[in-house]
Amino acid sequence: MSASGWIDFFDHKHSIYVNDRHEAAHYRGVAEGIRPYAPAGGVLLDYGCGAALSADLVAEPLSRLILCESAPNVRSSLAARFAGNGKIVVRKPEDVQMMPAGSMDVIIMHSVTQYLTGAEFDALAVLFRRLLKPGGLLVIGDVIPRKISALTDVLTLLRFGAQKGFFWAAVRGLFRTFFSDYRRLRQSLGLTRYDAAEILAKLEQAGFSAEPAPSNIGHNERRNSFLAHAR
């Protein structure tokens, strides 16, 4: 599995979000989960940020929020959406690779590990360690455990829909997803899963002191987040 097939999928209209209310609630929840990690006056990199509809909430306490996104169309939308916010800049992964060592206080990579191979994740962990200041924080969010079924994600979505007012749209959306490119990609490319010990070992290997976070970023409590401090 490689991230390239998923990048093309997310760069075009897709069925991950059942309607605009779902998408807005998702990104609001992610921003609220990231916000506590945003240091006052600091620099935060959100790597693989997606549409990041509520990034302005994350940016408020920061001096700079760098939104890094691989999908070109999504990146263009981000640049247009936040053009008036002087704290937010949008970059592609190649730009991030060229950034100076020790230039970040915090790096977030949320809901990305499942689309990467193990080798791709390892390479990014090494890059993040170089970019972080000593003692800087890397947050890996929404990691899928090995022993979790697709049914768990379905039930989680339905509960989220009930809480946020899009339950019946979620039911219809799940039916559409069954016949969508997402399901076909998930079957052909798969999703990478990690138990806690596996991902903690990878982070330690890259030069971090790592531990499970108290809770996952976002609404899916059956997935995991991890906190890694640069040694």
Protein backbone atom coordinates (compact mmCIF):
# COMPACT_ATOMS: atom_id res chain seq x y z
CA MET A 1 0.00 0.00 0.00
CA SER A 2 1.16 3.54 -0.75
CA ALA A 3 -0.28 6.95 0.02
CA SER A 4 -0.41 7.96 -3.66
CA GLY A 5 -3.67 6.16 -4.45
CA TRP A 6 -5.34 7.74 -1.43
CA ILE A 7 -4.06 11.22 -2.31
CA ASP A 8 -5.79 11.05 -5.68
CA PHE A 9 -8.97 9.84 -3.99
CA PHE A 10 -9.09 12.70 -1.47
CA ASP A 11 -8.19 15.28 -4.13
CA HIS A 12 -11.56 14.80 -5.82
CA LYS A 13 -15.16 14.72 -4.67
CA HIS A 14 -15.68 11.67 -2.45
CA SER A 15 -18.19 10.08 -0.08
CA ILE A 16 -16.24 10.10 3.20
CA TYR A 17 -18.48 12.86 4.55
CA VAL A 18 -22.19 12.20 4.19
CA ASN A 19 -23.07 15.91 3.97
CA ASP A 20 -21.73 19.37 4.79
CA ARG A 21 -22.89 19.12 8.41
CA HIS A 22 -20.85 15.94 8.87
CA GLU A 23 -17.74 17.48 7.33
CA ALA A 24 -18.01 20.65 9.41
CA ALA A 25 -18.60 18.70 12.64
CA HIS A 26 -15.66 16.41 11.88
CA TYR A 27 -13.18 19.21 11.29
CA ARG A 28 -14.50 21.24 14.22
CA GLY A 29 -13.94 18.26 16.51
CA VAL A 30 -10.43 17.70 15.15
CA ALA A 31 -9.55 21.38 15.64
CA GLU A 32 -10.88 21.29 19.20
CA GLY A 33 -8.75 18.20 19.82
CA ILE A 34 -5.61 19.84 18.42
CA ARG A 35 -6.11 23.22 20.11
CA PRO A 36 -4.85 22.11 23.57
CA TYR A 37 -1.53 21.17 21.97
CA ALA A 38 -1.11 24.60 20.34
CA PRO A 39 1.45 26.58 22.41
CA ALA A 40 0.96 30.32 22.84
CA GLY A 41 3.24 32.11 20.38
CA GLY A 42 4.55 28.82 18.98
CA VAL A 43 4.81 27.25 15.54
CA LEU A 44 2.65 24.20 14.78
CA LEU A 45 2.75 22.01 11.68
CA ASP A 46 -0.42 20.10 10.79
CA TYR A 47 0.86 17.43 8.39
CA GLY A 48 -1.80 15.88 6.13
CA CYS A 49 -4.40 18.33 7.36
CA GLY A 50 -7.13 17.68 4.79
CA ALA A 51 -9.72 20.44 4.36
CA ALA A 52 -9.02 21.77 7.91
CA LEU A 53 -12.23 23.81 7.92
CA SER A 54 -11.65 25.03 11.50
CA ALA A 55 -7.91 25.66 11.29
CA ASP A 56 -8.46 29.25 12.41
CA LEU A 57 -9.40 27.89 15.84
CA VAL A 58 -6.04 26.11 16.08
CA ALA A 59 -4.17 29.18 14.82
CA GLU A 60 -5.52 31.60 17.44
CA PRO A 61 -2.83 31.11 20.14
CA LEU A 62 0.01 30.43 17.68
CA SER A 63 2.43 32.72 15.89
CA ARG A 64 2.31 30.42 12.84
CA LEU A 65 0.20 27.45 11.75
CA ILE A 66 1.58 25.52 8.79
CA LEU A 67 -0.99 23.41 6.98
CA CYS A 68 0.68 20.71 4.90
CA GLU A 69 -1.45 18.82 2.38
CA SER A 70 -0.44 16.49 -0.45
CA ALA A 71 -3.62 16.76 -2.56
CA PRO A 72 -3.24 19.75 -4.94
CA ASN A 73 -6.93 20.68 -5.18
CA VAL A 74 -7.36 20.50 -1.42
CA ARG A 75 -4.24 22.60 -0.97
CA SER A 76 -5.59 25.27 -3.33
CA SER A 77 -8.87 25.38 -1.40
CA LEU A 78 -6.97 25.77 1.86
CA ALA A 79 -4.90 28.65 0.46
CA ALA A 80 -8.05 30.44 -0.70
CA ARG A 81 -9.99 29.81 2.53
CA PHE A 82 -7.29 31.18 4.81
CA ALA A 83 -5.80 33.84 2.54
CA GLY A 84 -6.90 36.54 4.97
CA ASN A 85 -5.37 34.91 8.05
CA GLY A 86 -1.78 36.04 8.47
CA LYS A 87 -1.01 33.24 10.94
CA ILE A 88 -1.85 30.41 8.52
CA VAL A 89 0.34 29.27 5.62
CA VAL A 90 -0.27 26.34 3.29
CA ARG A 91 2.57 24.14 2.11
CA LYS A 92 3.11 20.92 0.17
CA PRO A 93 5.16 18.03 1.61
CA GLU A 94 8.19 18.87 -0.52
CA ASP A 95 8.30 22.33 1.10
CA VAL A 96 8.19 20.82 4.59
CA GLN A 97 11.15 18.57 3.83
CA MET A 98 13.25 21.68 3.13
CA MET A 99 12.36 23.50 6.35
CA PRO A 100 15.14 24.22 8.88
CA ALA A 101 15.94 21.79 11.67
CA GLY A 102 14.44 22.71 15.02
CA SER A 103 11.90 25.12 13.52
CA MET A 104 8.71 23.55 14.96
CA ASP A 105 7.31 23.52 18.48
CA VAL A 106 4.57 21.00 17.72
CA ILE A 107 3.76 18.69 14.81
CA ILE A 108 0.36 17.05 14.40
CA MET A 109 -0.28 14.14 12.04
CA HIS A 110 -3.90 13.15 12.46
CA SER A 111 -5.69 10.35 10.60
CA VAL A 112 -2.80 9.80 8.19
CA THR A 113 -0.94 6.71 9.43
CA GLN A 114 -3.57 4.35 8.01
CA TYR A 115 -2.74 5.55 4.48
CA LEU A 116 1.03 5.11 4.81
CA THR A 117 3.25 2.08 4.55
CA GLY A 118 5.41 1.30 7.56
CA ALA A 119 8.46 2.60 5.69
CA GLU A 120 6.68 5.85 4.78
CA PHE A 121 5.74 6.38 8.41
CA ASP A 122 9.31 5.71 9.54
CA ALA A 123 10.66 8.29 7.08
CA LEU A 124 8.22 10.91 8.28
CA ALA A 125 9.04 10.21 11.93
CA VAL A 126 12.71 10.89 11.18
CA LEU A 127 11.78 14.10 9.32
CA PHE A 128 9.58 15.26 12.19
CA ARG A 129 12.35 14.60 14.71
CA ARG A 130 14.67 16.85 12.67
CA LEU A 131 12.09 19.62 12.39
CA LEU A 132 11.13 19.70 16.07
CA LYS A 133 12.96 21.74 18.67
CA PRO A 134 14.51 19.72 21.52
CA GLY A 135 11.63 18.70 23.74
CA GLY A 136 9.15 19.52 20.96
CA LEU A 137 5.95 17.52 20.69
CA LEU A 138 4.75 15.18 17.93
CA VAL A 139 1.11 14.11 18.14
CA ILE A 140 0.02 11.12 16.04
CA GLY A 141 -3.78 10.93 15.99
CA ASP A 142 -6.51 8.52 14.89
CA VAL A 143 -4.30 5.44 14.68
CA ILE A 144 -6.35 2.33 13.90
CA PRO A 145 -5.67 -0.64 16.24
CA ARG A 146 -5.20 -4.03 14.64
CA LYS A 147 -8.22 -5.63 16.28
CA ILE A 148 -10.93 -3.22 15.22
CA SER A 149 -13.56 -3.99 12.62
CA ALA A 150 -15.22 -1.88 9.95
CA LEU A 151 -18.47 -2.38 11.88
CA THR A 152 -16.96 -0.40 14.76
CA ASP A 153 -16.38 2.56 12.42
CA VAL A 154 -19.96 2.26 11.16
CA LEU A 155 -21.43 2.36 14.66
CA THR A 156 -19.14 5.23 15.63
CA LEU A 157 -20.31 7.25 12.63
CA LEU A 158 -23.96 6.60 13.46
CA ARG A 159 -23.45 7.73 17.05
CA PHE A 160 -21.64 10.84 15.83
CA GLY A 161 -24.49 11.52 13.41
CA ALA A 162 -27.05 11.19 16.19
CA GLN A 163 -25.09 13.65 18.34
CA LYS A 164 -24.58 16.22 15.58
CA GLY A 165 -27.89 16.00 13.74
CA PHE A 166 -27.08 14.02 10.61
CA PHE A 167 -28.07 10.47 11.65
CA TRP A 168 -30.31 9.67 8.66
CA ALA A 169 -27.85 11.27 6.27
CA ALA A 170 -25.21 8.98 7.82
CA VAL A 171 -27.41 5.95 7.15
CA ARG A 172 -27.82 6.97 3.51
CA GLY A 173 -24.13 7.82 3.27
CA LEU A 174 -23.09 4.39 4.50
CA PHE A 175 -25.18 2.83 1.75
CA ARG A 176 -23.50 5.04 -0.87
CA THR A 177 -20.06 4.26 0.53
CA PHE A 178 -20.69 0.53 0.09
CA PHE A 179 -20.71 1.11 -3.68
CA SER A 180 -18.06 3.85 -3.72
CA ASP A 181 -14.42 4.16 -4.76
CA TYR A 182 -13.53 4.40 -1.07
CA ARG A 183 -14.67 0.84 -0.39
CA ARG A 184 -12.86 -0.43 -3.49
CA LEU A 185 -9.66 1.39 -2.47
CA ARG A 186 -9.94 0.12 1.09
CA GLN A 187 -10.22 -3.43 -0.25
CA SER A 188 -7.37 -3.09 -2.77
CA LEU A 189 -4.92 -0.88 -0.83
CA GLY A 190 -5.94 -1.67 2.71
CA LEU A 191 -5.43 0.48 5.78
CA THR A 192 -2.32 0.25 7.95
CA ARG A 193 -3.03 -0.64 11.58
CA TYR A 194 -0.84 -0.49 14.65
CA ASP A 195 -1.14 -1.77 18.17
CA ALA A 196 0.22 0.66 20.74
CA ALA A 197 3.48 -1.22 21.30
CA GLU A 198 4.25 -1.20 17.56
CA ILE A 199 3.85 2.51 16.98
CA LEU A 200 5.57 3.42 20.25
CA ALA A 201 8.57 1.33 19.16
CA LYS A 202 8.70 3.15 15.81
CA LEU A 203 8.61 6.53 17.52
CA GLU A 204 11.32 5.52 19.98
CA GLN A 205 13.47 4.32 17.08
CA ALA A 206 13.14 7.75 15.44
CA GLY A 207 14.40 9.55 18.55
CA PHE A 208 11.26 10.23 20.57
CA SER A 209 10.07 9.43 24.07
CA ALA A 210 6.52 8.33 23.36
CA GLU A 211 3.36 7.39 25.23
CA PRO A 212 -0.35 6.92 24.52
CA ALA A 213 -2.41 10.10 24.75
CA PRO A 214 -5.24 10.21 27.30
CA SER A 215 -7.80 10.30 24.49
CA ASN A 216 -7.97 10.28 20.71
CA ILE A 217 -8.30 13.49 18.71
CA GLY A 218 -11.72 13.62 17.06
CA HIS A 219 -14.92 11.68 17.69
CA ASN A 220 -13.70 8.09 17.20
CA GLU A 221 -12.86 6.89 20.70
CA ARG A 222 -11.94 3.41 19.47
CA ARG A 223 -8.88 4.77 17.68
CA ASN A 224 -5.75 6.02 19.42
CA SER A 225 -3.51 9.06 19.65
CA PHE A 226 0.12 9.11 20.77
CA LEU A 227 2.36 11.83 22.23
CA ALA A 228 6.04 11.81 21.31
CA HIS A 229 8.60 14.24 22.75
CA ALA A 230 11.80 14.87 20.81
CA ARG A 231 14.77 13.63 22.81
